[in-house]
C-alpha cells in the first residue's frame, strides 16, 4: 500500500483547503461591499471611493439583452447622462463609481448595470474593472455642462 492508496483522502483535503480559501475570500468581499468598499483586484486590500458622487451613463442595451466582455462593451458604449429622467423606457443605464486601493493606490471602477422600471432599479450586473478603460468617460462626464443640457 503506497501513497496511491491514500489519493482520495489527499484530494479531499486539497479540495477542502481550496474551498475554505474561497469562502474566506467571498466573506471578505461581501463585508467590504456592505461597508461601501470593494477589494482591490491587484492586492485584495480594501479600496475606498475616490469621488463623492457616482457617474450615470446610458448604455444601448434593453431588458434582458446580454453582452460579452463587459469592459470592452461598456467602455465603448456608455454615454453620459445627467439624471435618471434621461433614461428612455426599456433602456438600461449604469452607475460608475471610482475606487482607490488603500494599500497599492490602484484605481478601479465598480459599474452597476440596471434597468429602471417604474422608478425602481433592477440590477442586471455588477463589474469591478480597471479605471484606465473608463478614465476618459469620467472626464467627459465631468466636463459636461449639465445646466445647459436641462434648459
N, C-alpha and C. Protein backbone atom coordinates (compact mmCIF):
# COMPACT_ATOMS: atom_id res chain seq x y z
N UNK A 1 0.84 -1.18 0.00
CA UNK A 1 0.00 0.00 0.00
C UNK A 1 0.88 1.25 0.00
N UNK A 2 0.97 1.87 -1.13
CA UNK A 2 1.75 3.09 -1.25
C UNK A 2 0.87 4.32 -1.06
N UNK A 3 1.42 5.44 -1.39
CA UNK A 3 0.71 6.70 -1.23
C UNK A 3 -0.52 6.78 -2.13
N UNK A 4 -0.53 6.02 -3.21
CA UNK A 4 -1.68 5.98 -4.13
C UNK A 4 -2.94 5.53 -3.40
N UNK A 5 -2.77 4.65 -2.43
CA UNK A 5 -3.91 4.17 -1.66
C UNK A 5 -4.63 5.31 -0.95
N UNK A 6 -3.88 6.36 -0.57
CA UNK A 6 -4.45 7.49 0.16
C UNK A 6 -4.82 8.66 -0.76
N UNK A 7 -4.74 8.47 -2.06
CA UNK A 7 -5.02 9.53 -3.03
C UNK A 7 -6.41 10.16 -2.84
N UNK A 8 -7.50 9.42 -2.65
CA UNK A 8 -8.80 10.07 -2.45
C UNK A 8 -8.81 11.01 -1.23
N UNK A 9 -8.18 10.59 -0.14
CA UNK A 9 -8.11 11.44 1.05
C UNK A 9 -7.27 12.68 0.80
N UNK A 10 -6.17 12.51 0.08
CA UNK A 10 -5.30 13.65 -0.24
C UNK A 10 -6.06 14.65 -1.10
N UNK A 11 -6.76 14.17 -2.11
CA UNK A 11 -7.53 15.05 -2.98
C UNK A 11 -8.65 15.75 -2.22
N UNK A 12 -9.29 15.04 -1.31
CA UNK A 12 -10.34 15.64 -0.49
C UNK A 12 -9.78 16.77 0.37
N UNK A 13 -8.63 16.57 0.98
CA UNK A 13 -8.01 17.60 1.83
C UNK A 13 -7.64 18.82 0.99
N UNK A 14 -7.09 18.59 -0.19
CA UNK A 14 -6.72 19.71 -1.07
C UNK A 14 -7.98 20.49 -1.47
N UNK A 15 -9.05 19.78 -1.86
CA UNK A 15 -10.30 20.43 -2.24
C UNK A 15 -10.89 21.20 -1.06
N UNK A 16 -10.81 20.65 0.13
CA UNK A 16 -11.33 21.33 1.32
C UNK A 16 -10.56 22.62 1.60
N UNK A 17 -9.25 22.59 1.47
CA UNK A 17 -8.43 23.78 1.69
C UNK A 17 -8.78 24.87 0.67
N UNK A 18 -8.94 24.49 -0.59
CA UNK A 18 -9.32 25.46 -1.63
C UNK A 18 -10.70 26.04 -1.32
N UNK A 19 -11.63 25.21 -0.89
CA UNK A 19 -12.98 25.69 -0.57
C UNK A 19 -12.94 26.67 0.60
N UNK A 20 -12.14 26.40 1.61
CA UNK A 20 -12.03 27.30 2.76
C UNK A 20 -11.50 28.66 2.32
N UNK A 21 -10.45 28.67 1.49
CA UNK A 21 -9.92 29.95 1.00
C UNK A 21 -10.95 30.69 0.15
N UNK A 22 -11.73 29.96 -0.65
CA UNK A 22 -12.78 30.58 -1.45
C UNK A 22 -13.86 31.21 -0.59
N UNK A 23 -14.25 30.52 0.46
CA UNK A 23 -15.28 31.05 1.37
C UNK A 23 -14.76 32.29 2.10
N UNK A 24 -13.51 32.25 2.54
CA UNK A 24 -12.92 33.42 3.22
C UNK A 24 -12.89 34.61 2.27
N UNK A 25 -12.51 34.39 1.03
CA UNK A 25 -12.48 35.46 0.04
C UNK A 25 -13.87 36.03 -0.21
N UNK A 26 -14.86 35.17 -0.30
CA UNK A 26 -16.24 35.61 -0.52
C UNK A 26 -16.74 36.44 0.67
N UNK A 27 -16.46 35.99 1.88
CA UNK A 27 -16.89 36.73 3.08
C UNK A 27 -16.22 38.10 3.13
N UNK A 28 -14.92 38.17 2.82
CA UNK A 28 -14.22 39.46 2.79
C UNK A 28 -14.83 40.39 1.76
N UNK A 29 -15.14 39.85 0.59
CA UNK A 29 -15.71 40.66 -0.48
C UNK A 29 -17.09 41.18 -0.09
N UNK A 30 -17.93 40.32 0.50
CA UNK A 30 -19.27 40.74 0.90
C UNK A 30 -19.22 41.78 2.02
N UNK A 31 -18.33 41.60 2.97
CA UNK A 31 -18.26 42.57 4.07
C UNK A 31 -17.70 43.91 3.58
N UNK A 32 -16.77 43.89 2.64
CA UNK A 32 -16.25 45.14 2.07
C UNK A 32 -17.35 45.86 1.31
N UNK A 33 -18.15 45.13 0.53
CA UNK A 33 -19.23 45.73 -0.24
C UNK A 33 -20.28 46.34 0.69
N UNK A 34 -20.54 45.69 1.80
CA UNK A 34 -21.51 46.19 2.77
C UNK A 34 -21.06 47.53 3.35
N UNK A 35 -19.75 47.73 3.49
CA UNK A 35 -19.20 48.95 4.05
C UNK A 35 -18.99 50.03 2.98
N UNK A 36 -19.41 49.78 1.75
CA UNK A 36 -19.22 50.74 0.67
C UNK A 36 -17.83 50.68 0.08
N UNK A 37 -17.13 49.59 0.32
CA UNK A 37 -15.78 49.40 -0.21
C UNK A 37 -15.80 48.19 -1.14
N UNK A 38 -14.73 48.05 -1.88
CA UNK A 38 -14.52 46.84 -2.68
C UNK A 38 -13.10 46.38 -2.41
N UNK A 39 -12.77 45.20 -2.84
CA UNK A 39 -11.41 44.71 -2.69
C UNK A 39 -10.63 44.99 -3.96
N UNK A 40 -9.38 45.37 -3.79
CA UNK A 40 -8.50 45.67 -4.92
C UNK A 40 -8.30 44.41 -5.76
N UNK A 41 -8.38 44.57 -7.06
CA UNK A 41 -8.17 43.44 -7.97
C UNK A 41 -6.72 42.99 -7.96
N UNK A 42 -5.83 43.90 -7.60
CA UNK A 42 -4.39 43.61 -7.66
C UNK A 42 -3.88 42.95 -6.38
N UNK A 43 -4.19 43.55 -5.20
CA UNK A 43 -3.60 43.06 -3.95
C UNK A 43 -4.62 42.59 -2.92
N UNK A 44 -5.91 42.69 -3.23
CA UNK A 44 -7.01 42.25 -2.37
C UNK A 44 -7.16 43.07 -1.09
N UNK A 45 -6.52 44.22 -0.99
CA UNK A 45 -6.73 45.13 0.14
C UNK A 45 -8.01 45.91 -0.11
N UNK A 46 -8.61 46.49 0.93
CA UNK A 46 -9.83 47.28 0.72
C UNK A 46 -9.57 48.51 -0.14
N UNK A 47 -10.51 48.82 -0.99
CA UNK A 47 -10.45 50.03 -1.82
C UNK A 47 -11.63 50.91 -1.42
N UNK A 48 -11.42 52.21 -1.35
CA UNK A 48 -12.47 53.14 -0.93
C UNK A 48 -12.83 54.07 -2.08
N UNK A 49 -14.03 54.63 -2.02
CA UNK A 49 -14.50 55.54 -3.07
C UNK A 49 -13.58 56.75 -3.17
N UNK A 50 -13.24 57.11 -4.40
CA UNK A 50 -12.38 58.27 -4.65
C UNK A 50 -13.19 59.54 -4.83
N UNK A 51 -14.40 59.41 -5.32
CA UNK A 51 -15.24 60.58 -5.59
C UNK A 51 -16.46 60.54 -4.68
N UNK A 52 -16.99 61.70 -4.39
CA UNK A 52 -18.15 61.77 -3.51
C UNK A 52 -19.46 61.44 -4.23
N UNK A 53 -19.40 61.33 -5.53
CA UNK A 53 -20.61 61.05 -6.31
C UNK A 53 -20.37 59.88 -7.26
N UNK A 54 -21.45 59.35 -7.78
CA UNK A 54 -21.39 58.30 -8.79
C UNK A 54 -21.73 58.93 -10.14
N UNK A 55 -21.17 58.39 -11.19
CA UNK A 55 -21.43 58.87 -12.54
C UNK A 55 -22.54 58.01 -13.14
N UNK A 56 -23.43 58.64 -13.90
CA UNK A 56 -24.54 57.93 -14.52
C UNK A 56 -24.34 57.91 -16.04
N UNK A 57 -24.50 56.73 -16.63
CA UNK A 57 -24.32 56.56 -18.07
C UNK A 57 -25.47 55.74 -18.64
N UNK A 58 -25.81 56.03 -19.88
CA UNK A 58 -26.81 55.26 -20.62
C UNK A 58 -26.06 54.25 -21.48
N UNK A 59 -26.58 53.03 -21.57
CA UNK A 59 -25.97 52.03 -22.45
C UNK A 59 -27.02 51.53 -23.43
N UNK A 60 -26.59 51.10 -24.63
CA UNK A 60 -27.55 50.69 -25.66
C UNK A 60 -28.03 49.24 -25.48
N UNK A 61 -28.41 48.90 -24.28
CA UNK A 61 -28.93 47.56 -24.01
C UNK A 61 -30.35 47.72 -23.47
N UNK A 62 -31.16 46.73 -23.71
CA UNK A 62 -32.53 46.79 -23.21
C UNK A 62 -32.91 45.48 -22.55
N UNK A 63 -33.81 45.57 -21.61
CA UNK A 63 -34.38 44.44 -20.89
C UNK A 63 -33.34 43.38 -20.56
N UNK A 64 -33.47 42.17 -21.11
CA UNK A 64 -32.58 41.06 -20.77
C UNK A 64 -31.44 40.86 -21.77
N UNK A 65 -31.15 41.86 -22.58
CA UNK A 65 -30.06 41.76 -23.53
C UNK A 65 -28.74 41.55 -22.78
N UNK A 66 -27.94 40.61 -23.25
CA UNK A 66 -26.66 40.31 -22.60
C UNK A 66 -25.53 40.74 -23.52
N UNK A 67 -24.35 40.93 -22.92
CA UNK A 67 -23.17 41.27 -23.70
C UNK A 67 -21.96 40.55 -23.11
N UNK A 68 -21.05 40.19 -23.98
CA UNK A 68 -19.80 39.55 -23.58
C UNK A 68 -18.77 40.67 -23.35
N UNK A 69 -17.71 40.37 -22.69
CA UNK A 69 -16.62 41.32 -22.46
C UNK A 69 -17.14 42.65 -21.94
N UNK A 70 -17.56 42.65 -20.69
CA UNK A 70 -18.16 43.84 -20.08
C UNK A 70 -17.25 45.06 -20.20
N UNK A 71 -15.96 44.89 -19.98
CA UNK A 71 -15.04 46.03 -20.04
C UNK A 71 -15.05 46.67 -21.42
N UNK A 72 -14.91 45.87 -22.45
CA UNK A 72 -14.89 46.40 -23.81
C UNK A 72 -16.22 47.00 -24.23
N UNK A 73 -17.30 46.28 -23.96
CA UNK A 73 -18.63 46.75 -24.35
C UNK A 73 -18.98 48.06 -23.66
N UNK A 74 -18.81 48.08 -22.35
CA UNK A 74 -19.20 49.28 -21.60
C UNK A 74 -18.31 50.48 -21.94
N UNK A 75 -17.00 50.27 -22.04
CA UNK A 75 -16.11 51.41 -22.32
C UNK A 75 -16.39 52.01 -23.70
N UNK A 76 -16.88 51.22 -24.64
CA UNK A 76 -17.18 51.74 -25.98
C UNK A 76 -18.58 52.33 -26.09
N UNK A 77 -19.52 51.90 -25.26
CA UNK A 77 -20.92 52.24 -25.48
C UNK A 77 -21.58 53.14 -24.43
N UNK A 78 -20.91 53.44 -23.35
CA UNK A 78 -21.52 54.27 -22.31
C UNK A 78 -21.59 55.72 -22.76
N UNK A 79 -22.76 56.34 -22.54
CA UNK A 79 -22.97 57.75 -22.88
C UNK A 79 -23.38 58.48 -21.61
N UNK A 80 -22.69 59.58 -21.25
CA UNK A 80 -23.01 60.29 -20.01
C UNK A 80 -24.40 60.91 -20.04
N UNK A 81 -25.10 60.80 -18.92
CA UNK A 81 -26.39 61.47 -18.75
C UNK A 81 -26.42 62.12 -17.37
N UNK A 82 -27.23 63.15 -17.24
CA UNK A 82 -27.25 63.94 -16.01
C UNK A 82 -28.11 63.32 -14.92
N UNK A 83 -29.17 62.63 -15.31
CA UNK A 83 -30.08 62.10 -14.30
C UNK A 83 -30.90 60.94 -14.84
N UNK A 84 -31.58 60.27 -13.92
CA UNK A 84 -32.38 59.10 -14.28
C UNK A 84 -33.57 59.47 -15.16
N UNK A 85 -33.97 60.75 -15.15
CA UNK A 85 -35.08 61.19 -16.00
C UNK A 85 -34.70 61.14 -17.49
N UNK A 86 -33.42 61.01 -17.81
CA UNK A 86 -32.97 60.95 -19.20
C UNK A 86 -32.86 59.52 -19.73
N UNK A 87 -33.28 58.54 -18.93
CA UNK A 87 -33.23 57.14 -19.36
C UNK A 87 -34.53 56.82 -20.10
N UNK A 88 -34.46 56.50 -21.40
CA UNK A 88 -35.67 56.14 -22.14
C UNK A 88 -36.27 54.83 -21.61
N UNK A 89 -37.56 54.69 -21.75
CA UNK A 89 -38.25 53.47 -21.32
C UNK A 89 -37.65 52.25 -22.00
N UNK A 90 -37.36 51.24 -21.21
CA UNK A 90 -36.83 49.99 -21.74
C UNK A 90 -35.34 49.96 -21.95
N UNK A 91 -34.67 51.09 -21.77
CA UNK A 91 -33.21 51.14 -21.94
C UNK A 91 -32.54 51.01 -20.60
N UNK A 92 -31.33 50.48 -20.62
CA UNK A 92 -30.57 50.30 -19.39
C UNK A 92 -29.56 51.42 -19.22
N UNK A 93 -29.17 51.59 -17.98
CA UNK A 93 -28.16 52.58 -17.63
C UNK A 93 -27.22 51.95 -16.62
N UNK A 94 -26.20 52.68 -16.23
CA UNK A 94 -25.29 52.14 -15.23
C UNK A 94 -24.70 53.26 -14.39
N UNK A 95 -24.47 52.93 -13.14
CA UNK A 95 -23.77 53.81 -12.21
C UNK A 95 -22.30 53.40 -12.23
N UNK A 96 -21.41 54.37 -12.28
CA UNK A 96 -19.98 54.10 -12.24
C UNK A 96 -19.42 54.81 -11.01
N UNK A 97 -18.70 54.09 -10.18
CA UNK A 97 -18.05 54.65 -9.01
C UNK A 97 -16.56 54.34 -9.09
N UNK A 98 -15.73 55.32 -8.74
CA UNK A 98 -14.28 55.15 -8.79
C UNK A 98 -13.78 54.83 -7.38
N UNK A 99 -12.92 53.82 -7.29
CA UNK A 99 -12.34 53.38 -6.03
C UNK A 99 -10.82 53.40 -6.12
N UNK A 100 -10.16 53.67 -4.99
CA UNK A 100 -8.70 53.63 -4.90
C UNK A 100 -8.31 52.67 -3.79
N UNK A 101 -7.34 51.81 -4.07
CA UNK A 101 -6.88 50.83 -3.09
C UNK A 101 -6.15 51.55 -1.95
N UNK A 102 -6.41 51.11 -0.72
CA UNK A 102 -5.78 51.73 0.45
C UNK A 102 -4.34 51.28 0.62
N UNK A 103 -3.94 50.24 -0.10
CA UNK A 103 -2.58 49.71 0.06
C UNK A 103 -1.67 50.08 -1.12
N UNK A 104 -2.14 49.80 -2.34
CA UNK A 104 -1.26 50.00 -3.51
C UNK A 104 -1.67 51.17 -4.39
N UNK A 105 -2.72 51.91 -4.02
CA UNK A 105 -3.21 53.08 -4.77
C UNK A 105 -3.71 52.76 -6.18
N UNK A 106 -3.96 51.50 -6.47
CA UNK A 106 -4.53 51.11 -7.76
C UNK A 106 -5.96 51.65 -7.84
N UNK A 107 -6.32 52.24 -8.99
CA UNK A 107 -7.69 52.75 -9.17
C UNK A 107 -8.48 51.77 -10.01
N UNK A 108 -9.74 51.62 -9.65
CA UNK A 108 -10.64 50.74 -10.37
C UNK A 108 -12.04 51.30 -10.28
N UNK A 109 -12.93 50.76 -11.08
CA UNK A 109 -14.32 51.23 -11.07
C UNK A 109 -15.25 50.07 -10.76
N UNK A 110 -16.35 50.41 -10.11
CA UNK A 110 -17.45 49.45 -9.94
C UNK A 110 -18.59 49.99 -10.79
N UNK A 111 -19.06 49.16 -11.70
CA UNK A 111 -20.16 49.55 -12.58
C UNK A 111 -21.35 48.67 -12.25
N UNK A 112 -22.48 49.32 -12.01
CA UNK A 112 -23.72 48.60 -11.73
C UNK A 112 -24.70 48.87 -12.86
N UNK A 113 -24.90 47.87 -13.68
CA UNK A 113 -25.79 47.93 -14.83
C UNK A 113 -27.21 47.65 -14.32
N UNK A 114 -28.16 48.54 -14.67
CA UNK A 114 -29.53 48.37 -14.17
C UNK A 114 -30.55 48.77 -15.22
N UNK A 115 -31.76 48.26 -15.01
CA UNK A 115 -32.92 48.64 -15.80
C UNK A 115 -33.89 49.34 -14.85
N UNK A 116 -34.34 50.51 -15.23
CA UNK A 116 -35.28 51.26 -14.39
C UNK A 116 -36.71 50.94 -14.81
N UNK A 117 -37.49 50.45 -13.86
CA UNK A 117 -38.89 50.12 -14.12
C UNK A 117 -39.73 50.78 -13.03
N UNK A 118 -40.57 51.72 -13.44
CA UNK A 118 -41.43 52.46 -12.51
C UNK A 118 -40.65 53.04 -11.32
N UNK A 119 -39.51 53.62 -11.62
CA UNK A 119 -38.71 54.27 -10.59
C UNK A 119 -37.80 53.34 -9.79
N UNK A 120 -37.92 52.04 -9.97
CA UNK A 120 -37.09 51.07 -9.26
C UNK A 120 -35.93 50.64 -10.16
N UNK A 121 -34.76 50.45 -9.57
CA UNK A 121 -33.60 49.97 -10.32
C UNK A 121 -33.49 48.45 -10.16
N UNK A 122 -33.55 47.73 -11.29
CA UNK A 122 -33.37 46.28 -11.28
C UNK A 122 -31.97 45.97 -11.78
N UNK A 123 -31.13 45.51 -10.88
CA UNK A 123 -29.73 45.26 -11.17
C UNK A 123 -29.58 44.12 -12.18
N UNK A 124 -28.82 44.38 -13.24
CA UNK A 124 -28.56 43.38 -14.27
C UNK A 124 -27.15 42.82 -14.16
N UNK A 125 -26.23 43.56 -13.52
CA UNK A 125 -24.86 43.09 -13.36
C UNK A 125 -24.01 44.10 -12.63
N UNK A 126 -23.01 43.61 -11.93
CA UNK A 126 -22.04 44.47 -11.25
C UNK A 126 -20.65 44.02 -11.69
N UNK A 127 -19.81 44.98 -12.06
CA UNK A 127 -18.48 44.67 -12.58
C UNK A 127 -17.44 45.53 -11.87
N UNK A 128 -16.33 44.91 -11.50
CA UNK A 128 -15.17 45.63 -10.97
C UNK A 128 -14.13 45.57 -12.08
N UNK A 129 -13.78 46.76 -12.61
CA UNK A 129 -12.92 46.83 -13.78
C UNK A 129 -11.81 47.86 -13.58
N UNK A 130 -10.74 47.80 -14.38
CA UNK A 130 -9.65 48.77 -14.26
C UNK A 130 -10.13 50.19 -14.62
N UNK A 131 -9.65 51.16 -13.89
CA UNK A 131 -10.03 52.55 -14.10
C UNK A 131 -9.57 53.07 -15.45
N UNK A 132 -8.42 52.64 -15.91
CA UNK A 132 -7.83 53.18 -17.14
C UNK A 132 -8.79 53.13 -18.32
N UNK A 133 -9.58 52.07 -18.43
CA UNK A 133 -10.51 51.94 -19.55
C UNK A 133 -11.66 52.94 -19.49
N UNK A 134 -11.91 53.50 -18.31
CA UNK A 134 -13.08 54.37 -18.13
C UNK A 134 -12.69 55.81 -17.75
N UNK A 135 -11.41 56.08 -17.71
CA UNK A 135 -10.94 57.42 -17.33
C UNK A 135 -11.51 58.50 -18.24
N UNK A 136 -11.44 58.27 -19.54
CA UNK A 136 -11.93 59.29 -20.48
C UNK A 136 -13.44 59.52 -20.31
N UNK A 137 -14.18 58.48 -19.97
CA UNK A 137 -15.62 58.63 -19.77
C UNK A 137 -15.93 59.45 -18.51
N UNK A 138 -15.18 59.23 -17.44
CA UNK A 138 -15.42 60.02 -16.23
C UNK A 138 -15.04 61.47 -16.47
N UNK A 139 -13.96 61.70 -17.22
CA UNK A 139 -13.56 63.07 -17.55
C UNK A 139 -14.60 63.73 -18.44
N UNK A 140 -15.13 62.98 -19.40
CA UNK A 140 -16.17 63.51 -20.29
C UNK A 140 -17.41 63.87 -19.47
N UNK A 141 -17.79 63.03 -18.52
CA UNK A 141 -18.95 63.29 -17.67
C UNK A 141 -18.72 64.56 -16.86
N UNK A 142 -17.52 64.72 -16.31
CA UNK A 142 -17.20 65.90 -15.50
C UNK A 142 -17.24 67.19 -16.33
N UNK A 143 -16.86 67.10 -17.61
CA UNK A 143 -16.79 68.28 -18.47
C UNK A 143 -18.15 68.72 -19.00
N UNK A 144 -19.15 67.86 -18.89
CA UNK A 144 -20.47 68.20 -19.41
C UNK A 144 -21.05 69.36 -18.60
N UNK A 145 -21.69 70.27 -19.30
CA UNK A 145 -22.38 71.39 -18.64
C UNK A 145 -23.84 70.98 -18.48
N UNK A 146 -24.14 70.29 -17.38
CA UNK A 146 -25.47 69.73 -17.19
C UNK A 146 -26.55 70.80 -17.07
N UNK A 147 -26.22 71.99 -16.61
CA UNK A 147 -27.21 73.07 -16.53
C UNK A 147 -27.66 73.51 -17.91
N UNK A 148 -26.71 73.55 -18.85
CA UNK A 148 -27.03 73.93 -20.23
C UNK A 148 -27.94 72.87 -20.86
N UNK A 149 -27.69 71.58 -20.57
CA UNK A 149 -28.48 70.49 -21.14
C UNK A 149 -29.95 70.55 -20.70
N UNK A 150 -30.21 71.02 -19.49
CA UNK A 150 -31.57 70.99 -18.93
C UNK A 150 -32.41 72.19 -19.38
N UNK A 151 -31.80 73.17 -20.03
CA UNK A 151 -32.56 74.35 -20.47
C UNK A 151 -33.44 74.05 -21.63
